[in-house]
């Protein structure tokens, strides 16, 4: 019974993750599809470049919820840590490769934050503080995301080590999704947060 419940939650987490708030909100507001504009990434940062802070904040909030709700439910049903990690990964994979939008999704940074939040609010605060510090210092959203998820397993180890392996899996997935950003950062061609015109 538990395995069937876990499998169902993994599937549901992927489907929920596949609901792209950036694409839907942009369509609702008459904005261009974020997959074809700016950085071509359907996430809060690209929506910020295309629109305003309120719209980007809405996208960010909804993307966080996509990761948080399935994992909170998994905690409620006492799902084992390994499978709880798979549920979190499924949410992020849904955001990255959404079945409802031709499998063309975002980087899942906000969704990953949502996945980490049920582990502890102190963990969430550390992750947000790290992202803000790096983003404010460098003006690179992608670098802030890469540094933050790289430190996430360490933060989890210090706060709730039971979930450190799941944190490593999630961090690896997010870093893999940022591989093109890493190349651009090395070449010095990565756009900054305040860049409006992007290729």
N, C-alpha and C. Protein backbone atom coordinates (compact mmCIF):
# COMPACT_ATOMS: atom_id res chain seq x y z
N UNK A 1 0.83 -1.21 0.00
CA UNK A 1 0.00 0.00 0.00
C UNK A 1 0.87 1.26 0.00
N UNK A 2 1.90 1.25 0.86
CA UNK A 2 2.79 2.40 0.94
C UNK A 2 3.51 2.63 -0.39
N UNK A 3 3.93 1.54 -1.04
CA UNK A 3 4.64 1.68 -2.31
C UNK A 3 3.71 2.23 -3.38
N UNK A 4 2.46 1.79 -3.39
CA UNK A 4 1.50 2.31 -4.36
C UNK A 4 1.24 3.80 -4.11
N UNK A 5 1.13 4.16 -2.84
CA UNK A 5 0.94 5.57 -2.49
C UNK A 5 2.14 6.40 -2.92
N UNK A 6 3.33 5.87 -2.69
CA UNK A 6 4.55 6.57 -3.07
C UNK A 6 4.63 6.77 -4.58
N UNK A 7 4.33 5.69 -5.32
CA UNK A 7 4.35 5.78 -6.79
C UNK A 7 3.34 6.81 -7.27
N UNK A 8 2.16 6.80 -6.68
CA UNK A 8 1.13 7.77 -7.07
C UNK A 8 1.58 9.19 -6.77
N UNK A 9 2.26 9.39 -5.65
CA UNK A 9 2.72 10.72 -5.28
C UNK A 9 3.84 11.20 -6.20
N UNK A 10 4.68 10.28 -6.64
CA UNK A 10 5.74 10.64 -7.60
C UNK A 10 5.13 11.12 -8.91
N UNK A 11 4.12 10.39 -9.38
CA UNK A 11 3.44 10.76 -10.64
C UNK A 11 2.74 12.10 -10.48
N UNK A 12 2.02 12.27 -9.38
CA UNK A 12 1.31 13.52 -9.14
C UNK A 12 2.29 14.68 -9.01
N UNK A 13 3.41 14.45 -8.33
CA UNK A 13 4.41 15.50 -8.17
C UNK A 13 4.95 15.94 -9.53
N UNK A 14 5.19 14.99 -10.42
CA UNK A 14 5.65 15.34 -11.76
C UNK A 14 4.60 16.14 -12.51
N UNK A 15 3.34 15.72 -12.42
CA UNK A 15 2.27 16.43 -13.13
C UNK A 15 2.07 17.84 -12.58
N UNK A 16 2.13 17.98 -11.27
CA UNK A 16 2.01 19.31 -10.67
C UNK A 16 3.20 20.18 -11.08
N UNK A 17 4.38 19.58 -11.08
CA UNK A 17 5.57 20.32 -11.51
C UNK A 17 5.49 20.76 -12.96
N UNK A 18 4.73 20.01 -13.76
CA UNK A 18 4.61 20.31 -15.18
C UNK A 18 3.71 21.51 -15.48
N UNK A 19 3.02 22.00 -14.47
CA UNK A 19 2.17 23.19 -14.66
C UNK A 19 3.06 24.42 -14.60
N UNK A 20 3.37 25.00 -15.73
CA UNK A 20 4.31 26.13 -15.79
C UNK A 20 3.59 27.44 -15.48
N UNK A 21 3.83 27.96 -14.30
CA UNK A 21 3.19 29.22 -13.91
C UNK A 21 3.68 30.37 -14.77
N UNK A 22 4.94 30.34 -15.17
CA UNK A 22 5.48 31.43 -16.00
C UNK A 22 4.76 31.51 -17.34
N UNK A 23 4.58 30.37 -17.99
CA UNK A 23 3.92 30.35 -19.29
C UNK A 23 2.46 30.76 -19.16
N UNK A 24 1.78 30.21 -18.15
CA UNK A 24 0.35 30.49 -17.98
C UNK A 24 0.09 31.95 -17.61
N UNK A 25 0.90 32.49 -16.71
CA UNK A 25 0.71 33.88 -16.29
C UNK A 25 1.04 34.83 -17.43
N UNK A 26 2.09 34.55 -18.17
CA UNK A 26 2.43 35.40 -19.32
C UNK A 26 1.31 35.37 -20.36
N UNK A 27 0.74 34.20 -20.58
CA UNK A 27 -0.38 34.09 -21.53
C UNK A 27 -1.58 34.86 -21.02
N UNK A 28 -1.86 34.77 -19.72
CA UNK A 28 -2.99 35.46 -19.12
C UNK A 28 -2.85 36.97 -19.22
N UNK A 29 -1.63 37.47 -19.08
CA UNK A 29 -1.37 38.90 -19.11
C UNK A 29 -1.06 39.43 -20.50
N UNK A 30 -1.09 38.56 -21.50
CA UNK A 30 -0.80 39.00 -22.86
C UNK A 30 0.67 39.25 -23.12
N UNK A 31 1.54 38.62 -22.33
CA UNK A 31 2.98 38.76 -22.52
C UNK A 31 3.48 37.66 -23.45
N UNK A 32 4.66 37.85 -24.03
CA UNK A 32 5.21 36.81 -24.90
C UNK A 32 5.49 35.52 -24.12
N UNK A 33 5.53 34.43 -24.83
CA UNK A 33 5.89 33.15 -24.22
C UNK A 33 7.34 33.26 -23.71
N UNK A 34 7.59 33.04 -22.43
CA UNK A 34 8.95 33.19 -21.89
C UNK A 34 9.95 32.21 -22.50
N UNK A 35 9.45 31.17 -23.14
CA UNK A 35 10.36 30.22 -23.79
C UNK A 35 10.91 30.75 -25.11
N UNK A 36 10.32 31.84 -25.62
CA UNK A 36 10.76 32.40 -26.89
C UNK A 36 11.25 33.84 -26.75
N UNK A 37 11.39 34.29 -25.52
CA UNK A 37 11.78 35.68 -25.26
C UNK A 37 12.84 35.73 -24.18
N UNK A 38 13.69 36.74 -24.24
CA UNK A 38 14.72 36.91 -23.21
C UNK A 38 15.68 35.74 -23.17
N UNK A 39 15.80 35.13 -22.00
CA UNK A 39 16.72 34.00 -21.84
C UNK A 39 16.09 32.69 -22.28
N UNK A 40 14.82 32.73 -22.73
CA UNK A 40 14.08 31.55 -23.17
C UNK A 40 13.82 30.57 -22.03
N UNK A 41 13.90 31.05 -20.80
CA UNK A 41 13.68 30.20 -19.64
C UNK A 41 12.36 30.59 -18.96
N UNK A 42 11.41 29.66 -18.86
CA UNK A 42 10.14 29.98 -18.21
C UNK A 42 10.25 29.96 -16.69
N UNK A 43 10.87 31.00 -16.17
CA UNK A 43 11.06 31.12 -14.74
C UNK A 43 10.89 32.56 -14.29
N UNK A 44 10.97 32.77 -12.99
CA UNK A 44 10.70 34.09 -12.42
C UNK A 44 11.71 35.14 -12.90
N UNK A 45 12.97 34.77 -13.04
CA UNK A 45 13.98 35.75 -13.45
C UNK A 45 13.71 36.29 -14.85
N UNK A 46 13.36 35.40 -15.78
CA UNK A 46 13.06 35.84 -17.13
C UNK A 46 11.77 36.65 -17.18
N UNK A 47 10.78 36.25 -16.38
CA UNK A 47 9.53 37.01 -16.31
C UNK A 47 9.79 38.41 -15.76
N UNK A 48 10.72 38.52 -14.81
CA UNK A 48 11.09 39.83 -14.27
C UNK A 48 11.66 40.72 -15.36
N UNK A 49 12.49 40.16 -16.21
CA UNK A 49 13.07 40.93 -17.31
C UNK A 49 11.98 41.36 -18.31
N UNK A 50 10.97 40.51 -18.46
CA UNK A 50 9.92 40.77 -19.45
C UNK A 50 8.83 41.69 -18.91
N UNK A 51 8.61 41.65 -17.59
CA UNK A 51 7.45 42.33 -17.02
C UNK A 51 7.84 43.19 -15.83
N UNK A 52 7.36 42.82 -14.64
CA UNK A 52 7.63 43.61 -13.44
C UNK A 52 7.80 42.70 -12.23
N UNK A 53 8.11 43.31 -11.09
CA UNK A 53 8.41 42.53 -9.89
C UNK A 53 7.19 41.77 -9.39
N UNK A 54 6.01 42.35 -9.48
CA UNK A 54 4.81 41.68 -8.98
C UNK A 54 4.52 40.41 -9.78
N UNK A 55 4.64 40.50 -11.09
CA UNK A 55 4.40 39.32 -11.93
C UNK A 55 5.44 38.24 -11.66
N UNK A 56 6.71 38.65 -11.56
CA UNK A 56 7.78 37.70 -11.29
C UNK A 56 7.60 37.06 -9.92
N UNK A 57 7.17 37.85 -8.93
CA UNK A 57 6.96 37.32 -7.58
C UNK A 57 5.84 36.29 -7.56
N UNK A 58 4.81 36.52 -8.37
CA UNK A 58 3.71 35.56 -8.46
C UNK A 58 4.21 34.24 -9.04
N UNK A 59 4.99 34.33 -10.10
CA UNK A 59 5.58 33.13 -10.71
C UNK A 59 6.45 32.40 -9.70
N UNK A 60 7.28 33.16 -8.99
CA UNK A 60 8.18 32.57 -8.00
C UNK A 60 7.39 31.83 -6.92
N UNK A 61 6.35 32.48 -6.41
CA UNK A 61 5.54 31.88 -5.34
C UNK A 61 4.90 30.58 -5.80
N UNK A 62 4.31 30.57 -6.99
CA UNK A 62 3.65 29.38 -7.50
C UNK A 62 4.65 28.25 -7.78
N UNK A 63 5.84 28.62 -8.26
CA UNK A 63 6.86 27.61 -8.52
C UNK A 63 7.36 26.98 -7.22
N UNK A 64 7.47 27.78 -6.18
CA UNK A 64 7.86 27.24 -4.86
C UNK A 64 6.79 26.27 -4.36
N UNK A 65 5.53 26.65 -4.51
CA UNK A 65 4.43 25.78 -4.06
C UNK A 65 4.46 24.43 -4.75
N UNK A 66 4.84 24.41 -6.04
CA UNK A 66 4.88 23.14 -6.79
C UNK A 66 5.82 22.14 -6.15
N UNK A 67 6.90 22.64 -5.56
CA UNK A 67 7.84 21.74 -4.90
C UNK A 67 7.45 21.44 -3.47
N UNK A 68 6.88 22.43 -2.78
CA UNK A 68 6.60 22.29 -1.35
C UNK A 68 5.42 21.37 -1.07
N UNK A 69 4.32 21.53 -1.81
CA UNK A 69 3.10 20.79 -1.50
C UNK A 69 3.29 19.27 -1.59
N UNK A 70 3.85 18.72 -2.69
CA UNK A 70 4.02 17.26 -2.74
C UNK A 70 4.92 16.73 -1.63
N UNK A 71 5.98 17.46 -1.28
CA UNK A 71 6.90 16.99 -0.25
C UNK A 71 6.26 17.09 1.13
N UNK A 72 5.51 18.16 1.38
CA UNK A 72 4.79 18.26 2.64
C UNK A 72 3.80 17.10 2.80
N UNK A 73 3.12 16.75 1.72
CA UNK A 73 2.21 15.61 1.77
C UNK A 73 2.96 14.32 2.04
N UNK A 74 4.15 14.20 1.46
CA UNK A 74 4.96 13.01 1.69
C UNK A 74 5.36 12.91 3.16
N UNK A 75 5.71 14.03 3.78
CA UNK A 75 5.99 14.05 5.21
C UNK A 75 4.76 13.60 6.00
N UNK A 76 3.60 14.10 5.61
CA UNK A 76 2.35 13.79 6.30
C UNK A 76 2.06 12.30 6.28
N UNK A 77 2.37 11.65 5.14
CA UNK A 77 2.12 10.22 5.01
C UNK A 77 3.31 9.36 5.45
N UNK A 78 4.30 10.00 6.06
CA UNK A 78 5.48 9.30 6.60
C UNK A 78 6.22 8.49 5.53
N UNK A 79 6.34 9.07 4.35
CA UNK A 79 7.11 8.43 3.28
C UNK A 79 8.58 8.40 3.68
N UNK A 80 9.25 7.30 3.40
CA UNK A 80 10.67 7.15 3.74
C UNK A 80 11.51 8.21 3.02
N UNK A 81 12.62 8.64 3.65
CA UNK A 81 13.43 9.73 3.09
C UNK A 81 13.84 9.53 1.63
N UNK A 82 14.25 8.31 1.25
CA UNK A 82 14.69 8.10 -0.12
C UNK A 82 13.56 8.38 -1.11
N UNK A 83 12.38 7.86 -0.81
CA UNK A 83 11.25 8.05 -1.71
C UNK A 83 10.72 9.48 -1.64
N UNK A 84 10.85 10.09 -0.48
CA UNK A 84 10.51 11.50 -0.36
C UNK A 84 11.38 12.33 -1.29
N UNK A 85 12.66 11.95 -1.36
CA UNK A 85 13.58 12.62 -2.27
C UNK A 85 13.17 12.43 -3.72
N UNK A 86 12.68 11.24 -4.06
CA UNK A 86 12.22 10.99 -5.43
C UNK A 86 11.00 11.83 -5.76
N UNK A 87 10.14 12.04 -4.78
CA UNK A 87 8.96 12.89 -4.99
C UNK A 87 9.40 14.33 -5.27
N UNK A 88 10.39 14.80 -4.51
CA UNK A 88 10.93 16.14 -4.75
C UNK A 88 11.57 16.25 -6.11
N UNK A 89 12.33 15.22 -6.49
CA UNK A 89 12.95 15.21 -7.82
C UNK A 89 11.89 15.22 -8.91
N UNK A 90 10.81 14.49 -8.70
CA UNK A 90 9.74 14.44 -9.71
C UNK A 90 9.13 15.82 -9.92
N UNK A 91 8.95 16.57 -8.84
CA UNK A 91 8.42 17.93 -8.97
C UNK A 91 9.33 18.79 -9.83
N UNK A 92 10.62 18.69 -9.57
CA UNK A 92 11.60 19.49 -10.32
C UNK A 92 11.70 19.04 -11.77
N UNK A 93 11.64 17.72 -11.99
CA UNK A 93 11.68 17.21 -13.36
C UNK A 93 10.45 17.67 -14.14
N UNK A 94 9.32 17.74 -13.45
CA UNK A 94 8.12 18.25 -14.10
C UNK A 94 8.29 19.69 -14.54
N UNK A 95 8.92 20.50 -13.68
CA UNK A 95 9.17 21.90 -14.05
C UNK A 95 10.16 21.99 -15.21
N UNK A 96 11.19 21.15 -15.18
CA UNK A 96 12.21 21.18 -16.23
C UNK A 96 11.70 20.64 -17.56
N UNK A 97 10.94 19.55 -17.48
CA UNK A 97 10.46 18.87 -18.68
C UNK A 97 8.94 18.64 -18.57
N UNK A 98 8.16 19.74 -18.66
CA UNK A 98 6.72 19.65 -18.44
C UNK A 98 5.98 18.94 -19.56
N UNK A 99 5.21 17.93 -19.19
CA UNK A 99 4.46 17.16 -20.18
C UNK A 99 3.40 18.02 -20.86
N UNK A 100 2.92 19.06 -20.18
CA UNK A 100 1.87 19.90 -20.74
C UNK A 100 2.40 20.98 -21.69
N UNK A 101 3.73 21.16 -21.74
CA UNK A 101 4.30 22.24 -22.55
C UNK A 101 5.48 21.74 -23.38
N UNK A 102 5.25 20.62 -24.06
CA UNK A 102 6.24 20.07 -25.00
C UNK A 102 7.58 19.77 -24.35
N UNK A 103 7.57 19.52 -23.05
CA UNK A 103 8.78 19.15 -22.30
C UNK A 103 9.85 20.25 -22.33
N UNK A 104 9.39 21.50 -22.53
CA UNK A 104 10.31 22.64 -22.56
C UNK A 104 10.04 23.50 -21.33
N UNK A 105 10.84 23.29 -20.29
CA UNK A 105 10.62 23.98 -19.03
C UNK A 105 11.79 24.78 -18.55
N UNK A 106 11.77 25.11 -17.27
CA UNK A 106 12.79 25.97 -16.67
C UNK A 106 13.86 25.22 -15.93
N UNK A 107 14.54 25.93 -15.05
CA UNK A 107 15.69 25.37 -14.33
C UNK A 107 15.31 24.79 -12.97
N UNK A 108 14.09 25.08 -12.51
CA UNK A 108 13.53 24.49 -11.28
C UNK A 108 14.20 24.95 -9.99
N UNK A 109 14.81 26.12 -10.00
CA UNK A 109 15.45 26.62 -8.78
C UNK A 109 14.40 26.92 -7.71
N UNK A 110 13.34 27.64 -8.08
CA UNK A 110 12.29 27.97 -7.12
C UNK A 110 11.56 26.71 -6.66
N UNK A 111 11.33 25.78 -7.58
CA UNK A 111 10.67 24.54 -7.21
C UNK A 111 11.54 23.73 -6.25
N UNK A 112 12.84 23.74 -6.47
CA UNK A 112 13.76 23.06 -5.55
C UNK A 112 13.72 23.70 -4.16
N UNK A 113 13.62 25.03 -4.11
CA UNK A 113 13.47 25.70 -2.82
C UNK A 113 12.22 25.18 -2.12
N UNK A 114 11.14 25.03 -2.86
CA UNK A 114 9.91 24.49 -2.29
C UNK A 114 10.10 23.09 -1.75
N UNK A 115 10.89 22.29 -2.46
CA UNK A 115 11.16 20.92 -2.02
C UNK A 115 11.91 20.93 -0.68
N UNK A 116 12.84 21.88 -0.52
CA UNK A 116 13.65 21.94 0.70
C UNK A 116 12.88 22.51 1.90
N UNK A 117 11.89 23.35 1.65
CA UNK A 117 11.20 24.04 2.74
C UNK A 117 10.60 23.12 3.80
N UNK A 118 9.96 21.99 3.42
CA UNK A 118 9.38 21.13 4.45
C UNK A 118 10.43 20.53 5.40
N UNK A 119 11.68 20.48 4.98
CA UNK A 119 12.73 19.96 5.86
C UNK A 119 12.92 20.89 7.05
N UNK A 120 12.73 22.18 6.82
CA UNK A 120 12.85 23.14 7.91
C UNK A 120 12.87 24.57 7.39
N UNK A 121 12.18 25.46 8.08
CA UNK A 121 12.16 26.86 7.67
C UNK A 121 13.52 27.50 7.79
N UNK A 122 14.33 27.03 8.74
CA UNK A 122 15.69 27.55 8.88
C UNK A 122 16.52 27.22 7.65
N UNK A 123 16.29 26.04 7.08
CA UNK A 123 16.97 25.66 5.84
C UNK A 123 16.55 26.59 4.72
N UNK A 124 15.24 26.83 4.61
CA UNK A 124 14.75 27.75 3.59
C UNK A 124 15.36 29.13 3.73
N UNK A 125 15.47 29.60 4.97
CA UNK A 125 16.06 30.93 5.22
C UNK A 125 17.52 30.97 4.79
N UNK A 126 18.26 29.91 5.07
CA UNK A 126 19.67 29.85 4.65
C UNK A 126 19.80 29.87 3.12
N UNK A 127 18.95 29.10 2.46
CA UNK A 127 19.01 29.04 1.00
C UNK A 127 18.66 30.39 0.38
N UNK A 128 17.61 31.02 0.89
CA UNK A 128 17.21 32.33 0.36
C UNK A 128 18.29 33.37 0.61
N UNK A 129 18.87 33.35 1.81
CA UNK A 129 19.92 34.32 2.15
C UNK A 129 21.14 34.13 1.26
N UNK A 130 21.48 32.87 0.99
CA UNK A 130 22.64 32.60 0.13
C UNK A 130 22.39 33.10 -1.28
N UNK A 131 21.18 32.80 -1.81
CA UNK A 131 20.86 33.26 -3.17
C UNK A 131 20.90 34.78 -3.25
N UNK A 132 20.29 35.45 -2.28
CA UNK A 132 20.25 36.92 -2.30
C UNK A 132 21.65 37.51 -2.20
N UNK A 133 22.49 36.93 -1.36
CA UNK A 133 23.85 37.44 -1.19
C UNK A 133 24.64 37.34 -2.49
N UNK A 134 24.60 36.17 -3.13
CA UNK A 134 25.36 35.98 -4.37
C UNK A 134 24.76 36.81 -5.50
N UNK A 135 23.45 36.85 -5.60
CA UNK A 135 22.80 37.61 -6.67
C UNK A 135 23.08 39.11 -6.51
N UNK A 136 23.01 39.60 -5.28
CA UNK A 136 23.24 41.03 -5.05
C UNK A 136 24.70 41.40 -5.31
N UNK A 137 25.60 40.49 -4.97
CA UNK A 137 27.03 40.75 -5.12
C UNK A 137 27.47 40.67 -6.57
N UNK A 138 26.99 39.66 -7.29
CA UNK A 138 27.48 39.40 -8.65
C UNK A 138 26.52 39.85 -9.75
N UNK A 139 25.22 39.97 -9.42
CA UNK A 139 24.15 40.26 -10.37
C UNK A 139 23.90 39.11 -11.34
N UNK A 140 24.39 37.93 -11.02
CA UNK A 140 24.15 36.75 -11.84
C UNK A 140 23.15 35.83 -11.13
N UNK A 141 21.94 35.73 -11.67
CA UNK A 141 20.94 34.85 -11.09
C UNK A 141 21.38 33.39 -11.17
N UNK A 142 21.96 33.01 -12.29
CA UNK A 142 22.38 31.62 -12.47
C UNK A 142 23.49 31.24 -11.50
N UNK A 143 24.45 32.12 -11.30
CA UNK A 143 25.54 31.84 -10.37
C UNK A 143 24.99 31.72 -8.95
N UNK A 144 24.05 32.58 -8.60
CA UNK A 144 23.44 32.51 -7.28
C UNK A 144 22.74 31.17 -7.09
N UNK A 145 22.06 30.70 -8.13
CA UNK A 145 21.38 29.41 -8.05
C UNK A 145 22.37 28.27 -7.92
N UNK A 146 23.44 28.30 -8.69
CA UNK A 146 24.44 27.22 -8.67
C UNK A 146 25.12 27.15 -7.31
N UNK A 147 25.52 28.30 -6.78
CA UNK A 147 26.17 28.33 -5.46
C UNK A 147 25.22 27.86 -4.38
N UNK A 148 23.98 28.32 -4.45
CA UNK A 148 22.99 27.98 -3.43
C UNK A 148 22.71 26.48 -3.39
N UNK A 149 22.45 25.89 -4.56
CA UNK A 149 22.14 24.45 -4.55
C UNK A 149 23.39 23.62 -4.23
N UNK A 150 24.57 24.15 -4.53
CA UNK A 150 25.80 23.45 -4.18
C UNK A 150 25.99 23.39 -2.67
N UNK A 151 25.54 24.45 -1.98
CA UNK A 151 25.66 24.50 -0.53
C UNK A 151 24.49 23.81 0.17
N UNK A 152 23.41 23.56 -0.56
CA UNK A 152 22.21 22.96 0.05
C UNK A 152 22.49 21.65 0.78
N UNK A 153 23.25 20.71 0.20
CA UNK A 153 23.52 19.47 0.95
C UNK A 153 24.25 19.71 2.27
N UNK A 154 25.14 20.69 2.30
CA UNK A 154 25.83 21.03 3.54
C UNK A 154 24.84 21.57 4.58
N UNK A 155 23.98 22.48 4.13
CA UNK A 155 22.98 23.04 5.04
C UNK A 155 22.07 21.93 5.58
N UNK A 156 21.65 21.02 4.69
CA UNK A 156 20.79 19.91 5.12
C UNK A 156 21.52 19.03 6.12
N UNK A 157 22.79 18.77 5.87
CA UNK A 157 23.59 17.95 6.79
C UNK A 157 23.65 18.57 8.19
N UNK A 158 23.75 19.89 8.24
CA UNK A 158 23.85 20.58 9.53
C UNK A 158 22.51 20.64 10.24
N UNK A 159 21.41 20.68 9.46
CA UNK A 159 20.08 20.88 10.06
C UNK A 159 19.34 19.56 10.25
N UNK A 160 19.31 18.72 9.21
CA UNK A 160 18.61 17.44 9.29
C UNK A 160 19.33 16.44 8.39
N UNK A 161 20.44 15.85 8.88
CA UNK A 161 21.30 15.00 8.04
C UNK A 161 20.60 13.78 7.45
N UNK A 162 19.44 13.43 7.97
CA UNK A 162 18.70 12.28 7.45
C UNK A 162 18.41 12.43 5.96
N UNK A 163 18.32 13.68 5.48
CA UNK A 163 17.92 13.92 4.10
C UNK A 163 19.08 14.42 3.22
N UNK A 164 20.30 14.20 3.66
CA UNK A 164 21.43 14.77 2.93
C UNK A 164 21.60 14.12 1.55
N UNK A 165 21.36 12.83 1.44
CA UNK A 165 21.55 12.16 0.14
C UNK A 165 20.51 12.65 -0.87
N UNK A 166 19.31 12.88 -0.40
CA UNK A 166 18.28 13.42 -1.28
C UNK A 166 18.64 14.83 -1.73
N UNK A 167 19.25 15.60 -0.82
CA UNK A 167 19.70 16.95 -1.16
C UNK A 167 20.80 16.92 -2.21
N UNK A 168 21.68 15.95 -2.11
CA UNK A 168 22.75 15.79 -3.11
C UNK A 168 22.16 15.48 -4.48
N UNK A 169 21.17 14.59 -4.52
CA UNK A 169 20.52 14.24 -5.79
C UNK A 169 19.88 15.46 -6.43
N UNK A 170 19.18 16.22 -5.61
CA UNK A 170 18.48 17.40 -6.14
C UNK A 170 19.47 18.46 -6.60
N UNK A 171 20.52 18.66 -5.81
CA UNK A 171 21.54 19.66 -6.19
C UNK A 171 22.21 19.26 -7.50
N UNK A 172 22.50 17.98 -7.66
CA UNK A 172 23.12 17.51 -8.90
C UNK A 172 22.24 17.75 -10.11
N UNK A 173 20.94 17.53 -9.94
CA UNK A 173 19.99 17.75 -11.03
C UNK A 173 19.94 19.22 -11.43
N UNK A 174 19.89 20.11 -10.44
CA UNK A 174 19.81 21.54 -10.72
C UNK A 174 21.10 22.03 -11.40
N UNK A 175 22.24 21.57 -10.91
CA UNK A 175 23.51 21.98 -11.51
C UNK A 175 23.61 21.48 -12.94
N UNK A 176 23.17 20.25 -13.18
CA UNK A 176 23.17 19.71 -14.54
C UNK A 176 22.31 20.57 -15.46
N UNK A 177 21.18 21.01 -14.96
CA UNK A 177 20.28 21.85 -15.76
C UNK A 177 20.89 23.22 -16.07
N UNK A 178 21.88 23.61 -15.27
CA UNK A 178 22.54 24.91 -15.47
C UNK A 178 23.86 24.77 -16.25
N UNK A 179 24.07 23.66 -16.91
CA UNK A 179 25.36 23.43 -17.57
C UNK A 179 25.66 24.50 -18.63
N UNK A 180 24.64 24.95 -19.36
CA UNK A 180 24.88 25.99 -20.37
C UNK A 180 25.22 27.32 -19.71
N UNK A 181 24.57 27.59 -18.57
CA UNK A 181 24.87 28.81 -17.83
C UNK A 181 26.32 28.79 -17.32
N UNK A 182 26.77 27.63 -16.89
CA UNK A 182 28.14 27.49 -16.39
C UNK A 182 29.14 27.82 -17.50
N UNK A 183 28.86 27.32 -18.70
CA UNK A 183 29.74 27.61 -19.84
C UNK A 183 29.77 29.11 -20.12
N UNK A 184 28.59 29.75 -20.10
CA UNK A 184 28.54 31.20 -20.36
C UNK A 184 29.21 32.00 -19.25
N UNK A 185 29.08 31.53 -18.01
CA UNK A 185 29.75 32.22 -16.91
C UNK A 185 31.27 32.17 -17.08
N UNK A 186 31.78 31.03 -17.50
CA UNK A 186 33.22 30.88 -17.73
C UNK A 186 33.68 31.78 -18.88
N UNK A 187 32.85 31.87 -19.92
CA UNK A 187 33.20 32.70 -21.08
C UNK A 187 32.94 34.19 -20.85
N UNK A 188 32.19 34.50 -19.80
CA UNK A 188 31.87 35.90 -19.52
C UNK A 188 30.73 36.43 -20.35
N UNK A 189 29.89 35.54 -20.88
CA UNK A 189 28.78 35.96 -21.74
C UNK A 189 27.41 35.78 -21.07
N UNK A 190 27.40 35.37 -19.82
CA UNK A 190 26.13 35.16 -19.12
C UNK A 190 25.47 36.51 -18.80
N UNK A 191 24.18 36.67 -19.14
CA UNK A 191 23.48 37.94 -18.84
C UNK A 191 23.28 38.13 -17.34
N UNK A 192 23.30 39.39 -16.94
CA UNK A 192 23.08 39.70 -15.53
C UNK A 192 21.61 40.00 -15.28
N UNK A 193 21.27 40.12 -14.02
CA UNK A 193 19.88 40.32 -13.63
C UNK A 193 19.25 41.56 -14.25
N UNK A 194 20.05 42.62 -14.43
CA UNK A 194 19.50 43.87 -14.94
C UNK A 194 19.60 43.98 -16.45
N UNK A 195 20.02 42.89 -17.11
CA UNK A 195 20.09 42.91 -18.57
C UNK A 195 18.69 42.69 -19.14
N UNK A 196 18.24 43.58 -19.99
CA UNK A 196 16.92 43.47 -20.60
C UNK A 196 16.97 42.79 -21.95
N UNK A 197 18.05 43.00 -22.69
CA UNK A 197 18.16 42.42 -24.03
C UNK A 197 19.06 41.20 -23.96
N UNK A 198 18.48 40.07 -24.23
CA UNK A 198 19.21 38.82 -24.15
C UNK A 198 19.07 38.06 -25.46
N UNK A 199 20.09 37.30 -25.76
CA UNK A 199 20.04 36.51 -26.99
C UNK A 199 19.45 35.15 -26.70
